[in-house]
Amino acid sequence: MHDLSGREIVSDVSIAVKRGEVLAIIGESGSGKTSVALSLLGFARPGMRISSGKITIGGTD
């Protein structure tokens, strides 16, 4: 994930959650937790873009 200036904000994230499992995203302040969570929900903060990769839920991109 990059901001509008091209600065990398989040990289190398891989998450696999099976039905019935619970996921917790933890980390230091400013480490990208909210950006990752919003991306998983199909949202990106203003000025941010997903530059590569894909998000699939239930096998659907």
C-alpha atoms as a PDB file:
ATOM      1  CA  MET A   1       0.000   0.000   0.000  1.00  0.00           C
ATOM      2  CA  HIS A   2       1.326   3.439  -0.960  1.00  0.00           C
ATOM      3  CA  ASP A   3       0.318   7.021  -0.256  1.00  0.00           C
ATOM      4  CA  LEU A   4      -0.078   9.605  -3.031  1.00  0.00           C
ATOM      5  CA  SER A   5       3.606  10.538  -2.872  1.00  0.00           C
ATOM      6  CA  GLY A   6       4.506   6.910  -3.607  1.00  0.00           C
ATOM      7  CA  ARG A   7       5.847   6.227  -0.112  1.00  0.00           C
ATOM      8  CA  GLU A   8       5.306   2.596   0.903  1.00  0.00           C
ATOM      9  CA  ILE A   9       3.024   2.412   3.939  1.00  0.00           C
ATOM     10  CA  VAL A  10       2.359  -1.327   4.310  1.00  0.00           C
ATOM     11  CA  SER A  11       4.130  -4.239   2.609  1.00  0.00           C
ATOM     12  CA  ASP A  12       4.328  -8.022   2.609  1.00  0.00           C
ATOM     13  CA  VAL A  13       1.025  -8.814   4.332  1.00  0.00           C
ATOM     14  CA  SER A  14      -0.495 -12.269   4.025  1.00  0.00           C
ATOM     15  CA  ILE A  15      -3.540 -13.250   6.081  1.00  0.00           C
ATOM     16  CA  ALA A  16      -5.584 -16.454   5.926  1.00  0.00           C
ATOM     17  CA  VAL A  17      -8.615 -16.751   8.195  1.00  0.00           C
ATOM     18  CA  LYS A  18     -10.884 -19.778   8.108  1.00  0.00           C
ATOM     19  CA  ARG A  19     -14.616 -19.679   8.754  1.00  0.00           C
ATOM     20  CA  GLY A  20     -15.267 -19.387  12.486  1.00  0.00           C
ATOM     21  CA  GLU A  21     -11.784 -18.089  13.308  1.00  0.00           C
ATOM     22  CA  VAL A  22     -11.163 -14.695  14.881  1.00  0.00           C
ATOM     23  CA  LEU A  23      -8.411 -12.367  13.676  1.00  0.00           C
ATOM     24  CA  ALA A  24      -6.663  -9.743  15.799  1.00  0.00           C
ATOM     25  CA  ILE A  25      -4.346  -7.214  14.194  1.00  0.00           C
ATOM     26  CA  ILE A  26      -1.877  -5.867  16.734  1.00  0.00           C
ATOM     27  CA  GLY A  27       1.161  -3.640  16.498  1.00  0.00           C
ATOM     28  CA  GLU A  28       2.746  -0.373  17.467  1.00  0.00           C
ATOM     29  CA  SER A  29       1.079   2.973  16.849  1.00  0.00           C
ATOM     30  CA  GLY A  30       1.431   3.931  13.190  1.00  0.00           C
ATOM     31  CA  SER A  31       2.356   0.429  12.030  1.00  0.00           C
ATOM     32  CA  GLY A  32      -0.536   0.166   9.529  1.00  0.00           C
ATOM     33  CA  LYS A  33      -3.156  -1.814  11.487  1.00  0.00           C
ATOM     34  CA  THR A  34      -6.054   0.413  10.466  1.00  0.00           C
ATOM     35  CA  SER A  35      -4.875   0.607   6.850  1.00  0.00           C
ATOM     36  CA  VAL A  36      -4.735  -3.196   6.642  1.00  0.00           C
ATOM     37  CA  ALA A  37      -8.149  -3.601   8.306  1.00  0.00           C
ATOM     38  CA  LEU A  38      -9.785  -1.045   6.000  1.00  0.00           C
ATOM     39  CA  SER A  39      -8.222  -2.733   2.966  1.00  0.00           C
ATOM     40  CA  LEU A  40      -9.627  -6.089   4.067  1.00  0.00           C
ATOM     41  CA  LEU A  41     -13.061  -4.460   4.144  1.00  0.00           C
ATOM     42  CA  GLY A  42     -12.580  -3.010   0.655  1.00  0.00           C
ATOM     43  CA  PHE A  43     -11.888   0.550   1.760  1.00  0.00           C
ATOM     44  CA  ALA A  44      -8.744   2.639   1.552  1.00  0.00           C
ATOM     45  CA  ARG A  45      -8.118   5.877   3.389  1.00  0.00           C
ATOM     46  CA  PRO A  46      -8.115   9.019   1.226  1.00  0.00           C
ATOM     47  CA  GLY A  47      -4.747   9.360  -0.466  1.00  0.00           C
ATOM     48  CA  MET A  48      -3.827   5.689  -0.153  1.00  0.00           C
ATOM     49  CA  ARG A  49      -3.855   3.030  -2.828  1.00  0.00           C
ATOM     50  CA  ILE A  50      -3.210  -0.686  -2.995  1.00  0.00           C
ATOM     51  CA  SER A  51      -0.398  -0.924  -5.521  1.00  0.00           C
ATOM     52  CA  SER A  52      -0.149  -4.684  -5.958  1.00  0.00           C
ATOM     53  CA  GLY A  53      -1.566  -7.972  -4.794  1.00  0.00           C
ATOM     54  CA  LYS A  54      -5.144  -8.991  -4.253  1.00  0.00           C
ATOM     55  CA  ILE A  55      -7.715  -9.503  -1.548  1.00  0.00           C
ATOM     56  CA  THR A  56      -9.958 -12.552  -1.797  1.00  0.00           C
ATOM     57  CA  ILE A  57     -12.834 -13.429   0.488  1.00  0.00           C
ATOM     58  CA  GLY A  58     -14.436 -16.828   0.058  1.00  0.00           C
ATOM     59  CA  GLY A  59     -12.410 -17.300  -3.127  1.00  0.00           C
ATOM     60  CA  THR A  60     -13.809 -14.103  -4.658  1.00  0.00           C
ATOM     61  CA  ASP A  61     -11.419 -11.287  -5.555  1.00  0.00           C
END
